[in-house]
Amino acid sequence: MWCGFSSRPGHVTDPYAPELAEYDFTPSFLVQATYDRDGNELTAEMISA
């Protein structure tokens, strides 16, 4: 599970603050994403924190 929006496994970006992508931050929601073996995002479920 990755916090924020994940464009690929292990990579986290925050659409409202992209410059914070490399820092630890606490968003108000979590997105659980699943990927196929090629790393393409299959599903993304938003979960309230």
Protein backbone atom coordinates (compact mmCIF):
# COMPACT_ATOMS: atom_id res chain seq x y z
CA MET A 1 0.00 0.00 0.00
CA TRP A 2 1.29 3.44 -0.89
CA CYS A 3 0.17 6.79 0.44
CA GLY A 4 -1.01 9.29 -2.13
CA PHE A 5 -1.26 8.42 -5.80
CA SER A 6 1.20 5.84 -7.03
CA SER A 7 2.09 5.79 -10.72
CA ARG A 8 4.31 2.74 -10.28
CA PRO A 9 5.13 0.40 -7.39
CA GLY A 10 7.06 2.13 -4.64
CA HIS A 11 6.74 5.57 -6.19
CA VAL A 12 4.53 8.09 -4.40
CA THR A 13 3.34 11.40 -5.76
CA ASP A 14 1.00 13.94 -4.24
CA PRO A 15 -1.02 15.74 -6.93
CA TYR A 16 -1.39 18.78 -4.68
CA ALA A 17 2.28 19.01 -3.74
CA PRO A 18 4.49 17.12 -6.23
CA GLU A 19 7.62 18.60 -4.70
CA LEU A 20 6.88 16.62 -1.53
CA ALA A 21 6.95 13.30 -3.35
CA GLU A 22 10.36 12.40 -1.96
CA TYR A 23 9.47 13.38 1.60
CA ASP A 24 7.44 11.74 4.33
CA PHE A 25 3.99 13.27 4.57
CA THR A 26 0.61 12.25 5.91
CA PRO A 27 -2.22 12.62 3.42
CA SER A 28 -5.85 12.61 4.48
CA PHE A 29 -6.45 9.47 2.44
CA LEU A 30 -4.69 6.31 1.35
CA VAL A 31 -4.79 4.69 -2.05
CA GLN A 32 -4.25 0.96 -2.31
CA ALA A 33 -3.19 0.07 -5.82
CA THR A 34 -2.63 -3.29 -7.46
CA TYR A 35 -0.38 -3.93 -10.44
CA ASP A 36 0.12 -6.60 -13.05
CA ARG A 37 3.51 -8.22 -13.56
CA ASP A 38 4.51 -5.52 -16.04
CA GLY A 39 3.92 -2.79 -13.47
CA ASN A 40 0.74 -1.45 -15.03
CA GLU A 41 -1.80 -0.19 -12.52
CA LEU A 42 -4.90 -2.35 -12.50
CA THR A 43 -6.96 -0.91 -9.69
CA ALA A 44 -6.69 1.95 -7.22
CA GLU A 45 -8.98 2.05 -4.21
CA MET A 46 -9.24 5.18 -2.10
CA ILE A 47 -9.43 4.52 1.62
CA SER A 48 -10.19 7.23 4.14
CA ALA A 49 -7.41 7.57 6.67
